[in-house]
Amino acid sequence: ICNPKTSAVKLTLKAEQRFNKSVIPETVWNILEKYNFHGQVARRKPFLSKAHGRARLEFATSYIKKPPEFWNSVLFVDESKYNVFGNNGKQMVWRKPSSEIEMKNLTPSVKHGGGSQMLWGCMSTVGVGNLHFIDGIMDKYMYLDILKQNLKQSAEKMGILPHYKLYQDNDPKHNAHICRLWALYHCPQVI
């Protein structure tokens, strides 16, 4: 199928135009099923450009040979938005069972919408650290306050305090000068 997001009704119309025959959507559905294409909900995945893909691969290959002990003291931090209301945005696609992560069968997701709650949290191989509810729009100053209030306390709770390694993504707030400067003086190591 050229476009797996085409509905059975639209495929029916295309088939009628192409073959000049009257067809019903159930017939199209049955033929697709016969050839092992099943109506599935497209997985949501953040959009990833080729440049981002190359950068991620380079980062991953630089850490892939690290021993398990290295990761025992890494403290992963991030924030995320959780939608409270609204639909789940399901998109049906025609695909074979083994093709769920092919680009044409994915629905790119972008974080937006209303009725949501932002949270900051951290975790390591030892366990989960503090969870901080974020009110309003987070800027670099709010992010720095969250780190000051929660990072050391979480590392201590997990027993990795003296030698933990901070891992955060490349969000502009995380890379702001005041946040990088604070991490330089308060985190044993930043990945």
N, C-alpha and C. Protein backbone atom coordinates (compact mmCIF):
# COMPACT_ATOMS: atom_id res chain seq x y z
N ILE A 1 0.86 -1.18 0.00
CA ILE A 1 0.00 0.00 0.00
C ILE A 1 0.90 1.23 0.00
N CYS A 2 0.67 2.15 -0.95
CA CYS A 2 1.49 3.36 -1.04
C CYS A 2 1.34 4.22 0.21
N ASN A 3 0.11 4.46 0.63
CA ASN A 3 -0.14 5.25 1.83
C ASN A 3 -0.96 4.40 2.79
N PRO A 4 -0.33 3.83 3.82
CA PRO A 4 -1.05 2.94 4.73
C PRO A 4 -2.11 3.63 5.57
N LYS A 5 -2.16 4.96 5.56
CA LYS A 5 -3.16 5.69 6.35
C LYS A 5 -4.46 5.91 5.58
N THR A 6 -4.53 5.41 4.34
CA THR A 6 -5.74 5.56 3.53
C THR A 6 -6.83 4.63 4.08
N SER A 7 -8.01 5.16 4.32
CA SER A 7 -9.10 4.36 4.87
C SER A 7 -9.63 3.38 3.82
N ALA A 8 -10.35 2.36 4.29
CA ALA A 8 -10.94 1.37 3.38
C ALA A 8 -11.93 2.04 2.43
N VAL A 9 -12.65 3.05 2.90
CA VAL A 9 -13.61 3.76 2.05
C VAL A 9 -12.89 4.48 0.91
N LYS A 10 -11.79 5.17 1.23
CA LYS A 10 -11.03 5.87 0.19
C LYS A 10 -10.37 4.88 -0.77
N LEU A 11 -9.90 3.75 -0.24
CA LEU A 11 -9.33 2.72 -1.12
C LEU A 11 -10.40 2.18 -2.07
N THR A 12 -11.63 2.07 -1.56
CA THR A 12 -12.75 1.61 -2.39
C THR A 12 -12.98 2.57 -3.55
N LEU A 13 -13.01 3.87 -3.25
CA LEU A 13 -13.20 4.88 -4.30
C LEU A 13 -12.08 4.83 -5.33
N LYS A 14 -10.85 4.67 -4.87
CA LYS A 14 -9.72 4.58 -5.80
C LYS A 14 -9.83 3.34 -6.68
N ALA A 15 -10.23 2.22 -6.07
CA ALA A 15 -10.38 0.97 -6.83
C ALA A 15 -11.47 1.10 -7.88
N GLU A 16 -12.59 1.74 -7.51
CA GLU A 16 -13.69 1.94 -8.47
C GLU A 16 -13.24 2.81 -9.64
N GLN A 17 -12.47 3.86 -9.35
CA GLN A 17 -11.97 4.74 -10.42
C GLN A 17 -10.97 4.01 -11.32
N ARG A 18 -10.09 3.25 -10.71
CA ARG A 18 -9.03 2.59 -11.48
C ARG A 18 -9.54 1.44 -12.32
N PHE A 19 -10.42 0.61 -11.75
CA PHE A 19 -10.87 -0.60 -12.45
C PHE A 19 -12.27 -0.47 -13.05
N ASN A 20 -12.92 0.67 -12.81
CA ASN A 20 -14.25 0.91 -13.36
C ASN A 20 -15.25 -0.18 -12.95
N LYS A 21 -15.14 -0.63 -11.70
CA LYS A 21 -16.03 -1.66 -11.14
C LYS A 21 -16.58 -1.16 -9.81
N SER A 22 -17.78 -1.58 -9.48
CA SER A 22 -18.39 -1.22 -8.21
C SER A 22 -17.87 -2.16 -7.11
N VAL A 23 -17.33 -1.57 -6.05
CA VAL A 23 -16.75 -2.35 -4.95
C VAL A 23 -17.26 -1.76 -3.64
N ILE A 24 -17.39 -2.60 -2.61
CA ILE A 24 -17.79 -2.10 -1.29
C ILE A 24 -16.56 -2.14 -0.36
N PRO A 25 -16.53 -1.28 0.66
CA PRO A 25 -15.37 -1.23 1.56
C PRO A 25 -15.05 -2.58 2.22
N GLU A 26 -16.07 -3.38 2.51
CA GLU A 26 -15.82 -4.68 3.14
C GLU A 26 -14.99 -5.58 2.23
N THR A 27 -15.19 -5.49 0.93
CA THR A 27 -14.41 -6.29 -0.02
C THR A 27 -12.95 -5.86 0.03
N VAL A 28 -12.71 -4.55 0.04
CA VAL A 28 -11.34 -4.03 0.14
C VAL A 28 -10.71 -4.51 1.44
N TRP A 29 -11.45 -4.41 2.52
CA TRP A 29 -10.98 -4.85 3.84
C TRP A 29 -10.59 -6.33 3.78
N ASN A 30 -11.45 -7.16 3.23
CA ASN A 30 -11.18 -8.60 3.15
C ASN A 30 -9.95 -8.91 2.31
N ILE A 31 -9.78 -8.19 1.20
CA ILE A 31 -8.61 -8.42 0.35
C ILE A 31 -7.33 -8.03 1.10
N LEU A 32 -7.36 -6.90 1.78
CA LEU A 32 -6.19 -6.49 2.56
C LEU A 32 -5.86 -7.51 3.65
N GLU A 33 -6.89 -8.00 4.33
CA GLU A 33 -6.69 -9.02 5.36
C GLU A 33 -6.10 -10.30 4.76
N LYS A 34 -6.57 -10.67 3.57
CA LYS A 34 -6.08 -11.87 2.88
C LYS A 34 -4.57 -11.78 2.64
N TYR A 35 -4.09 -10.57 2.34
CA TYR A 35 -2.66 -10.36 2.09
C TYR A 35 -1.91 -9.92 3.35
N ASN A 36 -2.49 -10.22 4.50
CA ASN A 36 -1.85 -10.02 5.80
C ASN A 36 -1.66 -8.55 6.18
N PHE A 37 -2.50 -7.66 5.64
CA PHE A 37 -2.52 -6.27 6.08
C PHE A 37 -3.71 -6.13 7.02
N HIS A 38 -3.46 -5.65 8.23
CA HIS A 38 -4.51 -5.55 9.24
C HIS A 38 -4.62 -4.10 9.70
N GLY A 39 -5.84 -3.67 9.96
CA GLY A 39 -6.05 -2.31 10.47
C GLY A 39 -5.47 -2.22 11.87
N GLN A 40 -4.49 -1.37 12.05
CA GLN A 40 -3.81 -1.20 13.33
C GLN A 40 -3.75 0.28 13.67
N VAL A 41 -3.58 0.57 14.93
CA VAL A 41 -3.38 1.95 15.36
C VAL A 41 -1.91 2.29 15.15
N ALA A 42 -1.64 3.40 14.45
CA ALA A 42 -0.26 3.82 14.20
C ALA A 42 0.39 4.23 15.51
N ARG A 43 1.60 3.77 15.72
CA ARG A 43 2.34 4.18 16.91
C ARG A 43 2.72 5.65 16.78
N ARG A 44 2.70 6.34 17.91
CA ARG A 44 3.11 7.74 17.92
C ARG A 44 4.60 7.78 18.25
N LYS A 45 5.33 8.59 17.50
CA LYS A 45 6.77 8.68 17.70
C LYS A 45 7.19 10.10 17.38
N PRO A 46 8.00 10.71 18.26
CA PRO A 46 8.46 12.08 17.96
C PRO A 46 9.20 12.12 16.62
N PHE A 47 8.99 13.21 15.89
CA PHE A 47 9.63 13.37 14.59
C PHE A 47 11.15 13.41 14.77
N LEU A 48 11.88 12.69 13.92
CA LEU A 48 13.33 12.61 14.00
C LEU A 48 13.92 12.86 12.62
N SER A 49 14.64 13.96 12.47
CA SER A 49 15.27 14.27 11.17
C SER A 49 16.50 13.38 10.99
N LYS A 50 17.03 13.35 9.77
CA LYS A 50 18.22 12.55 9.50
C LYS A 50 19.41 13.06 10.31
N ALA A 51 19.53 14.37 10.45
CA ALA A 51 20.64 14.94 11.23
C ALA A 51 20.54 14.53 12.70
N HIS A 52 19.31 14.56 13.24
CA HIS A 52 19.10 14.12 14.62
C HIS A 52 19.44 12.64 14.77
N GLY A 53 19.04 11.85 13.79
CA GLY A 53 19.32 10.42 13.82
C GLY A 53 20.82 10.14 13.84
N ARG A 54 21.58 10.86 13.02
CA ARG A 54 23.04 10.69 12.99
C ARG A 54 23.66 11.09 14.33
N ALA A 55 23.20 12.21 14.89
CA ALA A 55 23.73 12.68 16.18
C ALA A 55 23.42 11.68 17.29
N ARG A 56 22.23 11.12 17.28
CA ARG A 56 21.87 10.12 18.29
C ARG A 56 22.72 8.87 18.17
N LEU A 57 22.94 8.44 16.93
CA LEU A 57 23.76 7.25 16.70
C LEU A 57 25.19 7.48 17.18
N GLU A 58 25.73 8.65 16.89
CA GLU A 58 27.09 8.99 17.33
C GLU A 58 27.17 8.98 18.86
N PHE A 59 26.17 9.57 19.52
CA PHE A 59 26.14 9.59 20.98
C PHE A 59 26.06 8.16 21.53
N ALA A 60 25.17 7.35 20.95
CA ALA A 60 24.98 5.98 21.43
C ALA A 60 26.25 5.15 21.27
N THR A 61 26.92 5.27 20.13
CA THR A 61 28.13 4.47 19.91
C THR A 61 29.25 4.88 20.86
N SER A 62 29.26 6.14 21.32
CA SER A 62 30.29 6.56 22.26
C SER A 62 30.09 5.96 23.65
N TYR A 63 28.88 5.50 23.96
CA TYR A 63 28.60 4.95 25.29
C TYR A 63 28.28 3.45 25.28
N ILE A 64 28.20 2.83 24.12
CA ILE A 64 27.72 1.45 24.06
C ILE A 64 28.65 0.45 24.74
N LYS A 65 29.93 0.74 24.78
CA LYS A 65 30.88 -0.21 25.36
C LYS A 65 31.19 0.07 26.83
N LYS A 66 30.47 1.00 27.41
CA LYS A 66 30.67 1.28 28.84
C LYS A 66 30.21 0.07 29.64
N PRO A 67 30.94 -0.29 30.69
CA PRO A 67 30.54 -1.45 31.51
C PRO A 67 29.28 -1.13 32.31
N PRO A 68 28.55 -2.16 32.73
CA PRO A 68 27.32 -1.93 33.51
C PRO A 68 27.56 -1.07 34.76
N GLU A 69 28.73 -1.18 35.36
CA GLU A 69 29.02 -0.40 36.57
C GLU A 69 28.96 1.11 36.29
N PHE A 70 29.33 1.49 35.07
CA PHE A 70 29.28 2.90 34.69
C PHE A 70 27.86 3.44 34.85
N TRP A 71 26.88 2.65 34.41
CA TRP A 71 25.49 3.11 34.39
C TRP A 71 24.84 3.08 35.78
N ASN A 72 25.45 2.36 36.74
CA ASN A 72 24.87 2.28 38.08
C ASN A 72 24.80 3.62 38.79
N SER A 73 25.66 4.56 38.39
CA SER A 73 25.67 5.86 39.07
C SER A 73 25.16 6.99 38.19
N VAL A 74 24.53 6.66 37.07
CA VAL A 74 23.98 7.69 36.19
C VAL A 74 22.58 8.07 36.68
N LEU A 75 22.36 9.35 36.84
CA LEU A 75 21.06 9.86 37.26
C LEU A 75 20.41 10.53 36.05
N PHE A 76 19.38 9.89 35.52
CA PHE A 76 18.66 10.39 34.34
C PHE A 76 17.57 11.34 34.80
N VAL A 77 17.54 12.55 34.25
CA VAL A 77 16.50 13.52 34.62
C VAL A 77 15.78 13.98 33.36
N ASP A 78 14.51 14.26 33.50
CA ASP A 78 13.74 14.80 32.38
C ASP A 78 12.40 15.30 32.89
N GLU A 79 11.75 16.07 32.05
CA GLU A 79 10.40 16.52 32.35
C GLU A 79 9.50 16.07 31.21
N SER A 80 8.23 15.88 31.54
CA SER A 80 7.29 15.42 30.54
C SER A 80 5.91 15.96 30.84
N LYS A 81 5.12 16.08 29.80
CA LYS A 81 3.75 16.55 29.94
C LYS A 81 2.81 15.35 29.85
N TYR A 82 1.88 15.26 30.75
CA TYR A 82 0.89 14.19 30.75
C TYR A 82 -0.48 14.81 30.52
N ASN A 83 -1.15 14.36 29.46
CA ASN A 83 -2.47 14.88 29.13
C ASN A 83 -3.51 14.30 30.07
N VAL A 84 -4.33 15.16 30.61
CA VAL A 84 -5.39 14.74 31.50
C VAL A 84 -6.68 14.52 30.71
N PHE A 85 -6.94 15.37 29.73
CA PHE A 85 -8.16 15.28 28.93
C PHE A 85 -7.81 15.09 27.47
N GLY A 86 -8.81 14.86 26.66
CA GLY A 86 -8.60 14.76 25.21
C GLY A 86 -8.46 13.33 24.75
N ASN A 87 -8.55 13.18 23.43
CA ASN A 87 -8.46 11.82 22.89
C ASN A 87 -7.01 11.40 22.76
N ASN A 88 -6.82 10.13 22.46
CA ASN A 88 -5.46 9.60 22.34
C ASN A 88 -4.93 9.71 20.92
N GLY A 89 -5.67 10.34 20.03
CA GLY A 89 -5.18 10.59 18.68
C GLY A 89 -4.86 9.34 17.89
N LYS A 90 -5.67 8.29 18.02
CA LYS A 90 -5.38 7.04 17.31
C LYS A 90 -5.55 7.22 15.81
N GLN A 91 -4.61 6.71 15.06
CA GLN A 91 -4.62 6.75 13.60
C GLN A 91 -4.50 5.31 13.11
N MET A 92 -5.48 4.86 12.35
CA MET A 92 -5.45 3.50 11.81
C MET A 92 -4.55 3.45 10.58
N VAL A 93 -3.80 2.36 10.43
CA VAL A 93 -2.96 2.13 9.25
C VAL A 93 -3.12 0.68 8.80
N TRP A 94 -2.92 0.44 7.51
CA TRP A 94 -2.90 -0.91 6.97
C TRP A 94 -1.45 -1.35 6.91
N ARG A 95 -1.11 -2.36 7.69
CA ARG A 95 0.27 -2.82 7.71
C ARG A 95 0.35 -4.31 8.01
N LYS A 96 1.49 -4.87 7.69
CA LYS A 96 1.74 -6.26 8.02
C LYS A 96 2.24 -6.31 9.46
N PRO A 97 2.08 -7.47 10.13
CA PRO A 97 2.43 -7.54 11.56
C PRO A 97 3.87 -7.12 11.89
N SER A 98 4.81 -7.37 11.01
CA SER A 98 6.21 -7.08 11.32
C SER A 98 6.66 -5.69 10.88
N SER A 99 5.73 -4.85 10.43
CA SER A 99 6.13 -3.55 9.88
C SER A 99 5.65 -2.37 10.71
N GLU A 100 5.46 -2.56 12.01
CA GLU A 100 4.88 -1.51 12.84
C GLU A 100 5.77 -0.29 13.01
N ILE A 101 7.09 -0.41 12.89
CA ILE A 101 7.95 0.76 13.10
C ILE A 101 8.52 1.33 11.81
N GLU A 102 8.00 0.93 10.66
CA GLU A 102 8.39 1.57 9.42
C GLU A 102 7.81 2.98 9.40
N MET A 103 8.59 3.93 8.87
CA MET A 103 8.17 5.34 8.89
C MET A 103 6.76 5.55 8.35
N LYS A 104 6.40 4.86 7.27
CA LYS A 104 5.08 5.09 6.68
C LYS A 104 3.95 4.61 7.58
N ASN A 105 4.25 3.77 8.58
CA ASN A 105 3.23 3.24 9.47
C ASN A 105 3.20 3.95 10.83
N LEU A 106 3.99 5.00 10.98
CA LEU A 106 4.04 5.74 12.24
C LEU A 106 3.28 7.05 12.12
N THR A 107 2.78 7.54 13.23
CA THR A 107 2.17 8.85 13.30
C THR A 107 3.09 9.74 14.11
N PRO A 108 3.74 10.73 13.48
CA PRO A 108 4.64 11.61 14.25
C PRO A 108 3.86 12.34 15.33
N SER A 109 4.46 12.46 16.50
CA SER A 109 3.78 13.16 17.60
C SER A 109 4.56 14.41 17.97
N VAL A 110 3.82 15.42 18.33
CA VAL A 110 4.39 16.67 18.78
C VAL A 110 3.69 17.02 20.08
N LYS A 111 4.45 17.38 21.10
CA LYS A 111 3.86 17.69 22.40
C LYS A 111 3.10 19.02 22.34
N HIS A 112 1.80 18.97 22.52
CA HIS A 112 0.98 20.17 22.63
C HIS A 112 -0.41 19.77 23.10
N GLY A 113 -1.21 20.73 23.38
CA GLY A 113 -2.58 20.44 23.79
C GLY A 113 -2.90 21.05 25.14
N GLY A 114 -4.13 20.88 25.59
CA GLY A 114 -4.54 21.44 26.87
C GLY A 114 -4.91 20.35 27.84
N GLY A 115 -5.22 20.75 29.04
CA GLY A 115 -5.60 19.80 30.07
C GLY A 115 -4.48 18.85 30.41
N SER A 116 -3.31 19.41 30.74
CA SER A 116 -2.16 18.56 30.99
C SER A 116 -1.41 19.03 32.23
N GLN A 117 -0.50 18.19 32.69
CA GLN A 117 0.35 18.52 33.84
C GLN A 117 1.79 18.20 33.48
N MET A 118 2.66 19.18 33.69
CA MET A 118 4.09 18.96 33.47
C MET A 118 4.71 18.43 34.76
N LEU A 119 5.61 17.45 34.59
CA LEU A 119 6.31 16.86 35.73
C LEU A 119 7.80 16.78 35.44
N TRP A 120 8.61 16.92 36.47
CA TRP A 120 10.05 16.66 36.38
C TRP A 120 10.32 15.45 37.26
N GLY A 121 11.18 14.57 36.80
CA GLY A 121 11.53 13.41 37.59
C GLY A 121 12.93 12.92 37.26
N CYS A 122 13.42 11.99 38.07
CA CYS A 122 14.73 11.41 37.82
C CYS A 122 14.73 9.95 38.25
N MET A 123 15.67 9.19 37.66
CA MET A 123 15.78 7.78 38.00
C MET A 123 17.19 7.29 37.70
N SER A 124 17.54 6.18 38.30
CA SER A 124 18.82 5.52 38.04
C SER A 124 18.56 4.02 38.06
N THR A 125 19.61 3.23 37.93
CA THR A 125 19.43 1.78 37.99
C THR A 125 18.99 1.35 39.39
N VAL A 126 19.23 2.19 40.37
CA VAL A 126 18.89 1.88 41.75
C VAL A 126 17.41 2.09 42.03
N GLY A 127 16.83 3.11 41.41
CA GLY A 127 15.43 3.39 41.67
C GLY A 127 15.00 4.73 41.12
N VAL A 128 13.90 5.23 41.68
CA VAL A 128 13.29 6.47 41.21
C VAL A 128 13.53 7.55 42.25
N GLY A 129 13.85 8.76 41.77
CA GLY A 129 14.08 9.89 42.66
C GLY A 129 12.81 10.70 42.86
N ASN A 130 13.00 11.96 43.19
CA ASN A 130 11.87 12.85 43.45
C ASN A 130 11.06 13.10 42.18
N LEU A 131 9.80 13.44 42.39
CA LEU A 131 8.90 13.85 41.32
C LEU A 131 8.43 15.26 41.66
N HIS A 132 8.60 16.18 40.72
CA HIS A 132 8.27 17.58 40.97
C HIS A 132 7.20 18.03 39.99
N PHE A 133 6.06 18.52 40.51
CA PHE A 133 4.99 19.04 39.67
C PHE A 133 5.35 20.47 39.25
N ILE A 134 5.23 20.74 37.96
CA ILE A 134 5.62 22.04 37.40
C ILE A 134 4.35 22.84 37.12
N ASP A 135 4.25 24.01 37.74
CA ASP A 135 3.12 24.90 37.49
C ASP A 135 3.57 26.00 36.53
N GLY A 136 2.80 26.22 35.49
CA GLY A 136 3.12 27.25 34.53
C GLY A 136 4.14 26.79 33.50
N ILE A 137 4.73 27.76 32.83
CA ILE A 137 5.72 27.47 31.79
C ILE A 137 7.10 27.46 32.42
N MET A 138 7.83 26.38 32.23
CA MET A 138 9.15 26.26 32.84
C MET A 138 10.19 27.00 32.00
N ASP A 139 10.98 27.83 32.66
CA ASP A 139 12.10 28.49 32.01
C ASP A 139 13.39 28.02 32.70
N LYS A 140 14.52 28.58 32.31
CA LYS A 140 15.80 28.13 32.86
C LYS A 140 15.90 28.38 34.36
N TYR A 141 15.25 29.43 34.87
CA TYR A 141 15.31 29.74 36.29
C TYR A 141 14.50 28.72 37.10
N MET A 142 13.33 28.37 36.59
CA MET A 142 12.51 27.36 37.26
C MET A 142 13.22 26.01 37.22
N TYR A 143 13.83 25.68 36.07
CA TYR A 143 14.56 24.41 35.94
C TYR A 143 15.71 24.36 36.95
N LEU A 144 16.44 25.46 37.09
CA LEU A 144 17.54 25.51 38.05
C LEU A 144 17.03 25.31 39.48
N ASP A 145 15.91 25.94 39.83
CA ASP A 145 15.31 25.74 41.17
C ASP A 145 14.94 24.28 41.39
N ILE A 146 14.40 23.63 40.37
CA ILE A 146 14.03 22.22 40.49
C ILE A 146 15.27 21.38 40.75
N LEU A 147 16.35 21.64 40.02
CA LEU A 147 17.60 20.91 40.24
C LEU A 147 18.11 21.13 41.66
N LYS A 148 18.10 22.39 42.11
CA LYS A 148 18.59 22.71 43.45
C LYS A 148 17.78 21.99 44.53
N GLN A 149 16.46 21.90 44.34
CA GLN A 149 15.59 21.29 45.34
C GLN A 149 15.59 19.77 45.31
N ASN A 150 15.84 19.17 44.14
CA ASN A 150 15.57 17.74 43.99
C ASN A 150 16.75 16.86 43.62
N LEU A 151 17.76 17.39 42.95
CA LEU A 151 18.81 16.53 42.39
C LEU A 151 19.65 15.85 43.47
N LYS A 152 20.25 16.64 44.35
CA LYS A 152 21.11 16.08 45.40
C LYS A 152 20.30 15.17 46.32
N GLN A 153 19.10 15.61 46.66
CA GLN A 153 18.22 14.83 47.54
C GLN A 153 17.89 13.47 46.91
N SER A 154 17.63 13.47 45.61
CA SER A 154 17.32 12.21 44.91
C SER A 154 18.54 11.29 44.85
N ALA A 155 19.71 11.86 44.54
CA ALA A 155 20.94 11.06 44.49
C ALA A 155 21.24 10.46 45.86
N GLU A 156 21.00 11.22 46.91
CA GLU A 156 21.22 10.73 48.27
C GLU A 156 20.24 9.59 48.59
N LYS A 157 18.98 9.78 48.22
CA LYS A 157 17.95 8.77 48.46
C LYS A 157 18.31 7.45 47.77
N MET A 158 18.96 7.54 46.59
CA MET A 158 19.31 6.34 45.83
C MET A 158 20.68 5.78 46.21
N GLY A 159 21.39 6.48 47.08
CA GLY A 159 22.70 5.99 47.52
C GLY A 159 23.81 6.16 46.50
N ILE A 160 23.66 7.11 45.58
CA ILE A 160 24.70 7.34 44.56
C ILE A 160 25.27 8.76 44.68
N LEU A 161 25.05 9.40 45.83
CA LEU A 161 25.37 10.82 45.98
C LEU A 161 26.82 11.21 45.70
N PRO A 162 27.80 10.59 46.27
CA PRO A 162 29.13 11.18 46.08
C PRO A 162 29.63 11.15 44.63
N HIS A 163 29.23 10.17 43.85
CA HIS A 163 29.84 9.98 42.53
C HIS A 163 28.83 9.84 41.40
N TYR A 164 27.68 10.46 41.50
CA TYR A 164 26.69 10.29 40.44
C TYR A 164 27.05 11.09 39.19
N LYS A 165 26.49 10.63 38.06
CA LYS A 165 26.68 11.31 36.78
C LYS A 165 25.31 11.80 36.33
N LEU A 166 25.20 13.08 36.05
CA LEU A 166 23.93 13.67 35.62
C LEU A 166 23.76 13.49 34.12
N TYR A 167 22.62 12.93 33.72
CA TYR A 167 22.29 12.84 32.30
C TYR A 167 20.98 13.57 32.07
N GLN A 168 21.02 14.55 31.17
CA GLN A 168 19.81 15.27 30.77
C GLN A 168 19.86 15.48 29.27
N ASP A 169 18.70 15.69 28.66
CA ASP A 169 18.69 15.88 27.20
C ASP A 169 19.16 17.28 26.84
N ASN A 170 19.11 17.60 25.56
CA ASN A 170 19.64 18.88 25.09
C ASN A 170 18.60 19.99 25.02
N ASP A 171 17.64 19.96 25.90
CA ASP A 171 16.65 21.04 25.97
C ASP A 171 17.39 22.36 26.21
N PRO A 172 16.98 23.44 25.56
CA PRO A 172 17.65 24.73 25.77
C PRO A 172 17.73 25.16 27.24
N LYS A 173 16.72 24.82 28.03
CA LYS A 173 16.76 25.16 29.45
C LYS A 173 17.90 24.43 30.15
N HIS A 174 18.12 23.17 29.79
CA HIS A 174 19.18 22.37 30.41
C HIS A 174 20.56 22.92 30.04
N ASN A 175 20.67 23.48 28.84
CA ASN A 175 21.96 23.99 28.36
C ASN A 175 22.14 25.48 28.60
N ALA A 176 21.21 26.09 29.30
CA ALA A 176 21.35 27.52 29.63
C ALA A 176 22.60 27.71 30.48
N HIS A 177 23.25 28.84 30.33
CA HIS A 177 24.52 29.11 31.01
C HIS A 177 24.41 28.92 32.52
N ILE A 178 23.35 29.47 33.14
CA ILE A 178 23.23 29.36 34.60
C ILE A 178 23.06 27.91 35.04
N CYS A 179 22.37 27.09 34.24
CA CYS A 179 22.18 25.68 34.59
C CYS A 179 23.47 24.88 34.41
N ARG A 180 24.18 25.16 33.32
CA ARG A 180 25.46 24.47 33.09
C ARG A 180 26.48 24.86 34.17
N LEU A 181 26.50 26.13 34.54
CA LEU A 181 27.42 26.60 35.57
C LEU A 181 27.10 25.95 36.91
N TRP A 182 25.81 25.89 37.26
CA TRP A 182 25.42 25.25 38.51
C TRP A 182 25.82 23.78 38.51
N ALA A 183 25.57 23.07 37.40
CA ALA A 183 25.92 21.65 37.30
C ALA A 183 27.43 21.45 37.41
N LEU A 184 28.20 22.36 36.86
CA LEU A 184 29.66 22.27 36.92
C LEU A 184 30.15 22.25 38.36
N TYR A 185 29.52 23.05 39.23
CA TYR A 185 29.95 23.15 40.62
C TYR A 185 29.22 22.20 41.57
N HIS A 186 28.09 21.65 41.16
CA HIS A 186 27.30 20.84 42.09
C HIS A 186 27.11 19.39 41.67
N CYS A 187 27.51 19.02 40.47
CA CYS A 187 27.37 17.63 40.00
C CYS A 187 28.76 17.06 39.77
N PRO A 188 29.04 15.88 40.32
CA PRO A 188 30.36 15.29 40.12
C PRO A 188 30.73 15.12 38.65
N GLN A 189 29.75 14.76 37.82
CA GLN A 189 30.01 14.59 36.39
C GLN A 189 28.71 14.81 35.62
N VAL A 190 28.81 15.41 34.44
CA VAL A 190 27.65 15.62 33.57
C VAL A 190 27.91 14.92 32.25
N ILE A 191 26.96 14.09 31.84
CA ILE A 191 27.10 13.37 30.55
C ILE A 191 26.49 14.22 29.47
